[in-house]
Amino acid sequence: MQTIGERLEEARKKKGISIREAAEATKIRGDYLQKFESNQFDIGLTEIYIRGFLRNYANYLKLSGERIINDYAALGRGDVRPRQPNREVYGRMDISVATAGESSDRPAPPDTTAPQAEPARAQPRYPRGSGPKLPGGPDPATVFKYVKWGGMAAIALLALLMIKALFTGNSSPPSRTPAPGVANSVQLARAAALTYKLIATDPVQVRVVTRVSSGADSFADGEEIFNGTLMKGQSTTVPLNGTQTLYASAGQNLTLVWNGKTIPLGFSGAGSVPLDIPASAR
């Protein structure tokens, strides 16, 4: 005659079910199921739990739960021994399958004269990553969001200040007297139309005035021909009315085109250069 464990193991293997799968389906720990199949019933639980687990496991394997319990009771293990409830959660046990005919399997009513131990309360389970919110500091995600917004605002403000400084930093006209080392005057040959074009490669402030000689090595400003700021890509055509002086806040950002030819100014940064027509070309 087969033992309880042999019948459980044989039924499980016929269905092709592993211990792990059976434990997940019945919500009974796998080591308990292995001990049941090895006829080891001392698993540290009260009899009511052992009998309930055996019945559930037998029903899951399509065996007679009533017969398994009767065979288990025949082993002399039918008496329910009072035991302090264990606080460890062993799994959910469905005892709704019990019928009125199984009343003999239930434990005797406890003695009301003896103090009853308070039943253990199962600890609440929470999904991984969740649980009761404990008081703490601010949410890191919220802090990161505000820091990100603050950084973007600071970058935008810095860019605005740089643009403002670019257009207003050189608001005062450049020096009207050539500094030491200023490039020699640009010699312009006479053309059919006495005009030239100034093209800005980057923002630059430009001022053009007529030049009145006041000595061999000095000059004084005369009539103002042009005064303004040219943005990148902008150009202006200036009439060449005699000898002139061109002032620029950044000589490297300005190109002079005369008679279809590009003529370098010969200086960078703030400075000036005379514009002359040789006497032979006048």
C-alpha atoms as a PDB file:
ATOM      1  CA  MET A   1       0.000   0.000   0.000  1.00  0.00           C
ATOM      2  CA  GLN A   2       1.354   3.396  -0.966  1.00  0.00           C
ATOM      3  CA  THR A   3       2.117   5.985   1.691  1.00  0.00           C
ATOM      4  CA  ILE A   4       0.690   9.487   1.668  1.00  0.00           C
ATOM      5  CA  GLY A   5       3.935  10.941   0.334  1.00  0.00           C
ATOM      6  CA  GLU A   6       4.214   8.346  -2.447  1.00  0.00           C
ATOM      7  CA  ARG A   7       0.679   9.063  -3.640  1.00  0.00           C
ATOM      8  CA  LEU A   8       1.304  12.842  -3.644  1.00  0.00           C
ATOM      9  CA  GLU A   9       4.601  12.502  -5.485  1.00  0.00           C
ATOM     10  CA  GLU A  10       3.191  10.051  -8.052  1.00  0.00           C
ATOM     11  CA  ALA A  11       0.182  12.276  -8.785  1.00  0.00           C
ATOM     12  CA  ARG A  12       2.391  15.342  -9.194  1.00  0.00           C
ATOM     13  CA  LYS A  13       4.839  13.634 -11.558  1.00  0.00           C
ATOM     14  CA  LYS A  14       2.014  12.179 -13.673  1.00  0.00           C
ATOM     15  CA  LYS A  15       0.786  15.728 -14.249  1.00  0.00           C
ATOM     16  CA  GLY A  16       4.304  16.899 -15.095  1.00  0.00           C
ATOM     17  CA  ILE A  17       4.268  19.560 -12.375  1.00  0.00           C
ATOM     18  CA  SER A  18       7.413  20.650 -10.518  1.00  0.00           C
ATOM     19  CA  ILE A  19       7.547  21.412  -6.810  1.00  0.00           C
ATOM     20  CA  ARG A  20       8.013  25.063  -7.643  1.00  0.00           C
ATOM     21  CA  GLU A  21       4.938  25.183  -9.852  1.00  0.00           C
ATOM     22  CA  ALA A  22       2.872  23.409  -7.222  1.00  0.00           C
ATOM     23  CA  ALA A  23       4.061  25.841  -4.543  1.00  0.00           C
ATOM     24  CA  GLU A  24       3.092  28.841  -6.690  1.00  0.00           C
ATOM     25  CA  ALA A  25      -0.344  27.369  -7.449  1.00  0.00           C
ATOM     26  CA  THR A  26      -1.218  26.322  -3.882  1.00  0.00           C
ATOM     27  CA  LYS A  27       0.599  29.168  -2.078  1.00  0.00           C
ATOM     28  CA  ILE A  28       2.313  26.549   0.100  1.00  0.00           C
ATOM     29  CA  ARG A  29       6.073  26.666   0.581  1.00  0.00           C
ATOM     30  CA  GLY A  30       7.998  24.254  -1.607  1.00  0.00           C
ATOM     31  CA  ASP A  31      10.013  22.767   1.251  1.00  0.00           C
ATOM     32  CA  TYR A  32       6.738  21.811   2.981  1.00  0.00           C
ATOM     33  CA  LEU A  33       5.530  20.037  -0.156  1.00  0.00           C
ATOM     34  CA  GLN A  34       8.819  18.128  -0.455  1.00  0.00           C
ATOM     35  CA  LYS A  35       8.549  16.997   3.161  1.00  0.00           C
ATOM     36  CA  PHE A  36       4.950  15.874   2.626  1.00  0.00           C
ATOM     37  CA  GLU A  37       6.082  13.746  -0.324  1.00  0.00           C
ATOM     38  CA  SER A  38       8.815  12.293   1.913  1.00  0.00           C
ATOM     39  CA  ASN A  39       6.248  11.483   4.652  1.00  0.00           C
ATOM     40  CA  GLN A  40       7.790  14.078   6.959  1.00  0.00           C
ATOM     41  CA  PHE A  41       5.016  15.998   8.658  1.00  0.00           C
ATOM     42  CA  ASP A  42       6.939  17.637  11.495  1.00  0.00           C
ATOM     43  CA  ILE A  43       7.336  20.995   9.809  1.00  0.00           C
ATOM     44  CA  GLY A  44       7.002  23.186  12.873  1.00  0.00           C
ATOM     45  CA  LEU A  45       3.321  24.065  12.362  1.00  0.00           C
ATOM     46  CA  THR A  46       0.170  23.308  14.280  1.00  0.00           C
ATOM     47  CA  GLU A  47      -1.959  20.359  13.192  1.00  0.00           C
ATOM     48  CA  ILE A  48      -4.655  22.568  11.737  1.00  0.00           C
ATOM     49  CA  TYR A  49      -2.127  24.053   9.296  1.00  0.00           C
ATOM     50  CA  ILE A  50      -0.635  20.663   8.400  1.00  0.00           C
ATOM     51  CA  ARG A  51      -4.061  19.130   7.747  1.00  0.00           C
ATOM     52  CA  GLY A  52      -5.188  22.146   5.750  1.00  0.00           C
ATOM     53  CA  PHE A  53      -2.022  22.112   3.601  1.00  0.00           C
ATOM     54  CA  LEU A  54      -2.356  18.344   2.985  1.00  0.00           C
ATOM     55  CA  ARG A  55      -5.995  18.729   1.948  1.00  0.00           C
ATOM     56  CA  ASN A  56      -5.240  21.642  -0.391  1.00  0.00           C
ATOM     57  CA  TYR A  57      -2.278  19.859  -1.960  1.00  0.00           C
ATOM     58  CA  ALA A  58      -4.323  16.667  -2.503  1.00  0.00           C
ATOM     59  CA  ASN A  59      -7.206  18.590  -4.064  1.00  0.00           C
ATOM     60  CA  TYR A  60      -4.741  20.414  -6.334  1.00  0.00           C
ATOM     61  CA  LEU A  61      -3.394  17.042  -7.542  1.00  0.00           C
ATOM     62  CA  LYS A  62      -6.953  15.787  -8.095  1.00  0.00           C
ATOM     63  CA  LEU A  63      -6.688  13.319  -5.185  1.00  0.00           C
ATOM     64  CA  SER A  64      -9.275  12.773  -2.467  1.00  0.00           C
ATOM     65  CA  GLY A  65      -8.487  15.285   0.246  1.00  0.00           C
ATOM     66  CA  GLU A  66     -10.771  13.407   2.654  1.00  0.00           C
ATOM     67  CA  ARG A  67      -8.901  10.160   2.144  1.00  0.00           C
ATOM     68  CA  ILE A  68      -5.494  11.814   2.578  1.00  0.00           C
ATOM     69  CA  ILE A  69      -6.629  13.364   5.863  1.00  0.00           C
ATOM     70  CA  ASN A  70      -8.041  10.054   7.082  1.00  0.00           C
ATOM     71  CA  ASP A  71      -4.761   8.271   6.276  1.00  0.00           C
ATOM     72  CA  TYR A  72      -2.892  11.069   8.025  1.00  0.00           C
ATOM     73  CA  ALA A  73      -5.110  10.682  11.118  1.00  0.00           C
ATOM     74  CA  ALA A  74      -4.466   6.918  11.027  1.00  0.00           C
ATOM     75  CA  LEU A  75      -0.817   7.717  11.666  1.00  0.00           C
ATOM     76  CA  GLY A  76      -1.818   8.909  15.123  1.00  0.00           C
ATOM     77  CA  ARG A  77      -1.385  12.528  14.211  1.00  0.00           C
ATOM     78  CA  GLY A  78      -5.020  13.590  14.320  1.00  0.00           C
ATOM     79  CA  ASP A  79      -4.857  15.323  17.693  1.00  0.00           C
ATOM     80  CA  VAL A  80      -4.612  19.075  17.562  1.00  0.00           C
ATOM     81  CA  ARG A  81      -1.891  20.345  19.834  1.00  0.00           C
ATOM     82  CA  PRO A  82      -2.195  23.902  21.122  1.00  0.00           C
ATOM     83  CA  ARG A  83       0.686  25.946  19.786  1.00  0.00           C
ATOM     84  CA  GLN A  84       1.641  29.583  19.943  1.00  0.00           C
ATOM     85  CA  PRO A  85       0.842  31.016  16.506  1.00  0.00           C
ATOM     86  CA  ASN A  86       3.945  31.582  14.480  1.00  0.00           C
ATOM     87  CA  ARG A  87       4.307  35.131  13.171  1.00  0.00           C
ATOM     88  CA  GLU A  88       5.921  33.970   9.934  1.00  0.00           C
ATOM     89  CA  VAL A  89       3.565  34.089   6.970  1.00  0.00           C
ATOM     90  CA  TYR A  90       3.537  30.623   5.428  1.00  0.00           C
ATOM     91  CA  GLY A  91       1.131  31.410   2.629  1.00  0.00           C
ATOM     92  CA  ARG A  92      -2.578  31.654   2.034  1.00  0.00           C
ATOM     93  CA  MET A  93      -4.605  28.556   2.910  1.00  0.00           C
ATOM     94  CA  ASP A  94      -7.998  28.170   1.310  1.00  0.00           C
ATOM     95  CA  ILE A  95     -10.200  26.267   3.846  1.00  0.00           C
ATOM     96  CA  SER A  96     -13.476  26.967   2.072  1.00  0.00           C
ATOM     97  CA  VAL A  97     -13.412  23.432   0.612  1.00  0.00           C
ATOM     98  CA  ALA A  98     -14.122  21.984   4.023  1.00  0.00           C
ATOM     99  CA  THR A  99     -17.615  20.513   4.309  1.00  0.00           C
ATOM    100  CA  ALA A 100     -19.882  19.726   7.156  1.00  0.00           C
ATOM    101  CA  GLY A 101     -18.812  16.083   6.913  1.00  0.00           C
ATOM    102  CA  GLU A 102     -15.249  17.063   7.812  1.00  0.00           C
ATOM    103  CA  SER A 103     -16.198  18.458  11.177  1.00  0.00           C
ATOM    104  CA  SER A 104     -14.310  15.598  12.786  1.00  0.00           C
ATOM    105  CA  ASP A 105     -11.076  17.046  11.383  1.00  0.00           C
ATOM    106  CA  ARG A 106     -11.504  20.351  13.132  1.00  0.00           C
ATOM    107  CA  PRO A 107      -9.725  20.986  16.448  1.00  0.00           C
ATOM    108  CA  ALA A 108     -11.663  20.859  19.690  1.00  0.00           C
ATOM    109  CA  PRO A 109     -12.962  24.201  20.953  1.00  0.00           C
ATOM    110  CA  PRO A 110     -10.370  25.904  23.123  1.00  0.00           C
ATOM    111  CA  ASP A 111     -10.836  25.992  26.877  1.00  0.00           C
ATOM    112  CA  THR A 112     -12.482  29.299  27.618  1.00  0.00           C
ATOM    113  CA  THR A 113     -11.164  29.248  31.153  1.00  0.00           C
ATOM    114  CA  ALA A 114      -7.571  29.432  30.003  1.00  0.00           C
ATOM    115  CA  PRO A 115      -6.184  32.747  28.726  1.00  0.00           C
ATOM    116  CA  GLN A 116      -6.182  32.787  24.961  1.00  0.00           C
ATOM    117  CA  ALA A 117      -3.091  33.863  23.131  1.00  0.00           C
ATOM    118  CA  GLU A 118      -3.641  36.809  20.840  1.00  0.00           C
ATOM    119  CA  PRO A 119      -3.584  35.586  17.232  1.00  0.00           C
ATOM    120  CA  ALA A 120      -0.585  36.679  15.256  1.00  0.00           C
ATOM    121  CA  ARG A 121      -1.237  39.428  12.775  1.00  0.00           C
ATOM    122  CA  ALA A 122       0.132  38.855   9.316  1.00  0.00           C
ATOM    123  CA  GLN A 123       2.472  41.583   8.239  1.00  0.00           C
ATOM    124  CA  PRO A 124       1.057  43.626   5.342  1.00  0.00           C
ATOM    125  CA  ARG A 125       2.670  42.934   2.016  1.00  0.00           C
ATOM    126  CA  TYR A 126       3.496  45.711  -0.363  1.00  0.00           C
ATOM    127  CA  PRO A 127       4.620  45.488  -3.992  1.00  0.00           C
ATOM    128  CA  ARG A 128       8.336  45.830  -4.529  1.00  0.00           C
ATOM    129  CA  GLY A 129       9.352  49.488  -4.602  1.00  0.00           C
ATOM    130  CA  SER A 130       6.210  50.589  -2.730  1.00  0.00           C
ATOM    131  CA  GLY A 131       5.145  50.659   0.891  1.00  0.00           C
ATOM    132  CA  PRO A 132       4.053  53.148   3.479  1.00  0.00           C
ATOM    133  CA  LYS A 133       5.453  56.580   2.893  1.00  0.00           C
ATOM    134  CA  LEU A 134       7.707  57.630   5.736  1.00  0.00           C
ATOM    135  CA  PRO A 135       8.266  61.300   6.501  1.00  0.00           C
ATOM    136  CA  GLY A 136      11.482  62.460   4.954  1.00  0.00           C
ATOM    137  CA  GLY A 137      13.090  65.095   2.807  1.00  0.00           C
ATOM    138  CA  PRO A 138      11.812  66.531  -0.483  1.00  0.00           C
ATOM    139  CA  ASP A 139      11.224  64.326  -3.483  1.00  0.00           C
ATOM    140  CA  PRO A 140      14.539  64.002  -5.415  1.00  0.00           C
ATOM    141  CA  ALA A 141      12.688  64.152  -8.743  1.00  0.00           C
ATOM    142  CA  THR A 142      11.081  67.473  -7.778  1.00  0.00           C
ATOM    143  CA  VAL A 143      14.411  68.892  -6.616  1.00  0.00           C
ATOM    144  CA  PHE A 144      16.082  67.842  -9.884  1.00  0.00           C
ATOM    145  CA  LYS A 145      13.271  69.462 -11.912  1.00  0.00           C
ATOM    146  CA  TYR A 146      13.668  72.816 -10.143  1.00  0.00           C
ATOM    147  CA  VAL A 147      17.471  72.700 -10.411  1.00  0.00           C
ATOM    148  CA  LYS A 148      17.169  71.985 -14.137  1.00  0.00           C
ATOM    149  CA  TRP A 149      14.798  74.915 -14.655  1.00  0.00           C
ATOM    150  CA  GLY A 150      17.059  77.200 -12.641  1.00  0.00           C
ATOM    151  CA  GLY A 151      20.086  76.204 -14.721  1.00  0.00           C
ATOM    152  CA  MET A 152      18.252  76.865 -17.972  1.00  0.00           C
ATOM    153  CA  ALA A 153      17.127  80.288 -16.728  1.00  0.00           C
ATOM    154  CA  ALA A 154      20.695  81.169 -15.695  1.00  0.00           C
ATOM    155  CA  ILE A 155      22.049  80.163 -19.131  1.00  0.00           C
ATOM    156  CA  ALA A 156      19.376  82.234 -20.901  1.00  0.00           C
ATOM    157  CA  LEU A 157      20.153  85.272 -18.722  1.00  0.00           C
ATOM    158  CA  LEU A 158      23.890  84.918 -19.368  1.00  0.00           C
ATOM    159  CA  ALA A 159      23.298  84.730 -23.132  1.00  0.00           C
ATOM    160  CA  LEU A 160      21.088  87.845 -22.978  1.00  0.00           C
ATOM    161  CA  LEU A 161      23.753  89.766 -21.071  1.00  0.00           C
ATOM    162  CA  MET A 162      26.438  88.750 -23.589  1.00  0.00           C
ATOM    163  CA  ILE A 163      24.284  89.915 -26.531  1.00  0.00           C
ATOM    164  CA  LYS A 164      23.540  93.197 -24.774  1.00  0.00           C
ATOM    165  CA  ALA A 165      27.226  93.758 -24.026  1.00  0.00           C
ATOM    166  CA  LEU A 166      28.095  93.036 -27.662  1.00  0.00           C
ATOM    167  CA  PHE A 167      25.818  95.792 -28.961  1.00  0.00           C
ATOM    168  CA  THR A 168      26.159  98.310 -26.147  1.00  0.00           C
ATOM    169  CA  GLY A 169      29.695  97.724 -24.907  1.00  0.00           C
ATOM    170  CA  ASN A 170      31.166  99.942 -27.597  1.00  0.00           C
ATOM    171  CA  SER A 171      28.467 102.635 -27.500  1.00  0.00           C
ATOM    172  CA  SER A 172      31.027 105.422 -27.300  1.00  0.00           C
ATOM    173  CA  PRO A 173      32.718 106.320 -30.600  1.00  0.00           C
ATOM    174  CA  PRO A 174      36.199 104.929 -31.062  1.00  0.00           C
ATOM    175  CA  SER A 175      39.175 107.180 -30.666  1.00  0.00           C
ATOM    176  CA  ARG A 176      39.422 109.680 -33.485  1.00  0.00           C
ATOM    177  CA  THR A 177      43.193 109.801 -33.427  1.00  0.00           C
ATOM    178  CA  PRO A 178      45.131 106.871 -34.803  1.00  0.00           C
ATOM    179  CA  ALA A 179      46.966 104.906 -32.137  1.00  0.00           C
ATOM    180  CA  PRO A 180      50.636 104.067 -32.610  1.00  0.00           C
ATOM    181  CA  GLY A 181      51.045 101.343 -35.164  1.00  0.00           C
ATOM    182  CA  VAL A 182      47.819 102.149 -37.081  1.00  0.00           C
ATOM    183  CA  ALA A 183      47.885 100.765 -40.607  1.00  0.00           C
ATOM    184  CA  ASN A 184      48.999 102.976 -43.447  1.00  0.00           C
ATOM    185  CA  SER A 185      46.308 104.760 -45.417  1.00  0.00           C
ATOM    186  CA  VAL A 186      44.375 102.676 -47.909  1.00  0.00           C
ATOM    187  CA  GLN A 187      45.209 103.890 -51.405  1.00  0.00           C
ATOM    188  CA  LEU A 188      42.093 103.847 -53.581  1.00  0.00           C
ATOM    189  CA  ALA A 189      42.439 104.189 -57.353  1.00  0.00           C
ATOM    190  CA  ARG A 190      39.929 106.367 -59.184  1.00  0.00           C
ATOM    191  CA  ALA A 191      36.962 104.438 -60.533  1.00  0.00           C
ATOM    192  CA  ALA A 192      34.023 105.315 -62.690  1.00  0.00           C
ATOM    193  CA  ALA A 193      31.826 105.748 -59.591  1.00  0.00           C
ATOM    194  CA  LEU A 194      33.558 107.257 -56.561  1.00  0.00           C
ATOM    195  CA  THR A 195      31.905 105.019 -53.979  1.00  0.00           C
ATOM    196  CA  TYR A 196      33.020 102.023 -51.934  1.00  0.00           C
ATOM    197  CA  LYS A 197      31.185  99.364 -49.952  1.00  0.00           C
ATOM    198  CA  LEU A 198      31.687  98.338 -46.338  1.00  0.00           C
ATOM    199  CA  ILE A 199      30.615  94.753 -45.455  1.00  0.00           C
ATOM    200  CA  ALA A 200      30.414  93.469 -41.846  1.00  0.00           C
ATOM    201  CA  THR A 201      31.507  89.872 -41.173  1.00  0.00           C
ATOM    202  CA  ASP A 202      30.489  90.323 -37.499  1.00  0.00           C
ATOM    203  CA  PRO A 203      28.850  93.191 -35.561  1.00  0.00           C
ATOM    204  CA  VAL A 204      31.005  96.351 -35.798  1.00  0.00           C
ATOM    205  CA  GLN A 205      30.501 100.088 -35.215  1.00  0.00           C
ATOM    206  CA  VAL A 206      31.675 102.253 -38.127  1.00  0.00           C
ATOM    207  CA  ARG A 207      32.219 106.005 -38.543  1.00  0.00           C
ATOM    208  CA  VAL A 208      33.480 107.739 -41.706  1.00  0.00           C
ATOM    209  CA  VAL A 209      34.433 111.430 -41.786  1.00  0.00           C
ATOM    210  CA  THR A 210      36.167 113.677 -44.291  1.00  0.00           C
ATOM    211  CA  ARG A 211      39.770 114.444 -43.383  1.00  0.00           C
ATOM    212  CA  VAL A 212      41.239 117.895 -43.436  1.00  0.00           C
ATOM    213  CA  SER A 213      45.023 117.971 -43.437  1.00  0.00           C
ATOM    214  CA  SER A 214      46.505 120.134 -40.721  1.00  0.00           C
ATOM    215  CA  GLY A 215      50.144 119.282 -41.191  1.00  0.00           C
ATOM    216  CA  ALA A 216      52.409 116.717 -42.655  1.00  0.00           C
ATOM    217  CA  ASP A 217      51.784 114.091 -39.928  1.00  0.00           C
ATOM    218  CA  SER A 218      48.451 115.100 -38.375  1.00  0.00           C
ATOM    219  CA  PHE A 219      44.805 115.502 -39.366  1.00  0.00           C
ATOM    220  CA  ALA A 220      41.529 116.808 -37.941  1.00  0.00           C
ATOM    221  CA  ASP A 221      37.995 115.467 -38.445  1.00  0.00           C
ATOM    222  CA  GLY A 222      35.733 117.164 -40.913  1.00  0.00           C
ATOM    223  CA  GLU A 223      32.212 116.356 -42.153  1.00  0.00           C
ATOM    224  CA  GLU A 224      30.651 113.072 -40.979  1.00  0.00           C
ATOM    225  CA  ILE A 225      29.796 110.820 -43.935  1.00  0.00           C
ATOM    226  CA  PHE A 226      28.511 107.698 -42.123  1.00  0.00           C
ATOM    227  CA  ASN A 227      28.005 106.678 -38.489  1.00  0.00           C
ATOM    228  CA  GLY A 228      26.260 103.469 -37.452  1.00  0.00           C
ATOM    229  CA  THR A 229      26.500  99.790 -36.441  1.00  0.00           C
ATOM    230  CA  LEU A 230      26.619  97.079 -39.066  1.00  0.00           C
ATOM    231  CA  MET A 231      25.395  93.613 -38.080  1.00  0.00           C
ATOM    232  CA  LYS A 232      26.838  90.391 -39.503  1.00  0.00           C
ATOM    233  CA  GLY A 233      26.167  90.253 -43.259  1.00  0.00           C
ATOM    234  CA  GLN A 234      25.018  93.882 -43.502  1.00  0.00           C
ATOM    235  CA  SER A 235      26.704  96.321 -45.897  1.00  0.00           C
ATOM    236  CA  THR A 236      26.573 100.008 -46.767  1.00  0.00           C
ATOM    237  CA  THR A 237      27.786 102.072 -49.744  1.00  0.00           C
ATOM    238  CA  VAL A 238      29.765 105.208 -48.852  1.00  0.00           C
ATOM    239  CA  PRO A 239      30.535 108.033 -51.329  1.00  0.00           C
ATOM    240  CA  LEU A 240      34.217 108.932 -51.557  1.00  0.00           C
ATOM    241  CA  ASN A 241      34.195 112.713 -51.286  1.00  0.00           C
ATOM    242  CA  GLY A 242      37.855 113.490 -51.221  1.00  0.00           C
ATOM    243  CA  THR A 243      40.137 112.189 -48.506  1.00  0.00           C
ATOM    244  CA  GLN A 244      38.397 110.412 -45.623  1.00  0.00           C
ATOM    245  CA  THR A 245      39.133 108.655 -42.329  1.00  0.00           C
ATOM    246  CA  LEU A 246      37.379 105.368 -41.384  1.00  0.00           C
ATOM    247  CA  TYR A 247      36.929 104.432 -37.716  1.00  0.00           C
ATOM    248  CA  ALA A 248      35.918 100.841 -36.707  1.00  0.00           C
ATOM    249  CA  SER A 249      35.323  99.265 -33.293  1.00  0.00           C
ATOM    250  CA  ALA A 250      36.689  95.918 -34.604  1.00  0.00           C
ATOM    251  CA  GLY A 251      38.718  96.197 -37.799  1.00  0.00           C
ATOM    252  CA  GLN A 252      38.795  92.405 -38.238  1.00  0.00           C
ATOM    253  CA  ASN A 253      34.981  92.408 -38.583  1.00  0.00           C
ATOM    254  CA  LEU A 254      34.884  94.902 -41.501  1.00  0.00           C
ATOM    255  CA  THR A 255      35.715  94.429 -45.203  1.00  0.00           C
ATOM    256  CA  LEU A 256      36.143  97.273 -47.735  1.00  0.00           C
ATOM    257  CA  VAL A 257      35.255  96.629 -51.375  1.00  0.00           C
ATOM    258  CA  TRP A 258      36.491  99.176 -53.947  1.00  0.00           C
ATOM    259  CA  ASN A 259      35.928  98.819 -57.656  1.00  0.00           C
ATOM    260  CA  GLY A 260      35.059  95.132 -57.218  1.00  0.00           C
ATOM    261  CA  LYS A 261      38.183  94.339 -55.186  1.00  0.00           C
ATOM    262  CA  THR A 262      38.415  93.516 -51.493  1.00  0.00           C
ATOM    263  CA  ILE A 263      40.930  95.691 -49.673  1.00  0.00           C
ATOM    264  CA  PRO A 264      42.001  94.809 -46.100  1.00  0.00           C
ATOM    265  CA  LEU A 265      41.927  97.613 -43.545  1.00  0.00           C
ATOM    266  CA  GLY A 266      45.195  96.487 -42.015  1.00  0.00           C
ATOM    267  CA  PHE A 267      44.216  96.563 -38.330  1.00  0.00           C
ATOM    268  CA  SER A 268      42.148  94.609 -35.803  1.00  0.00           C
ATOM    269  CA  GLY A 269      40.289  95.811 -32.750  1.00  0.00           C
ATOM    270  CA  ALA A 270      39.342  99.501 -32.389  1.00  0.00           C
ATOM    271  CA  GLY A 271      41.257 101.807 -34.700  1.00  0.00           C
ATOM    272  CA  SER A 272      41.153 104.011 -37.762  1.00  0.00           C
ATOM    273  CA  VAL A 273      42.668 104.226 -41.219  1.00  0.00           C
ATOM    274  CA  PRO A 274      42.847 107.089 -43.775  1.00  0.00           C
ATOM    275  CA  LEU A 275      41.260 106.509 -47.195  1.00  0.00           C
ATOM    276  CA  ASP A 276      43.267 108.274 -49.910  1.00  0.00           C
ATOM    277  CA  ILE A 277      43.176 108.556 -53.685  1.00  0.00           C
ATOM    278  CA  PRO A 278      46.718 108.891 -55.015  1.00  0.00           C
ATOM    279  CA  ALA A 279      47.389 112.206 -56.718  1.00  0.00           C
ATOM    280  CA  SER A 280      48.199 110.358 -59.945  1.00  0.00           C
ATOM    281  CA  ALA A 281      44.682 108.851 -59.957  1.00  0.00           C
ATOM    282  CA  ARG A 282      42.765 112.036 -59.192  1.00  0.00           C
END
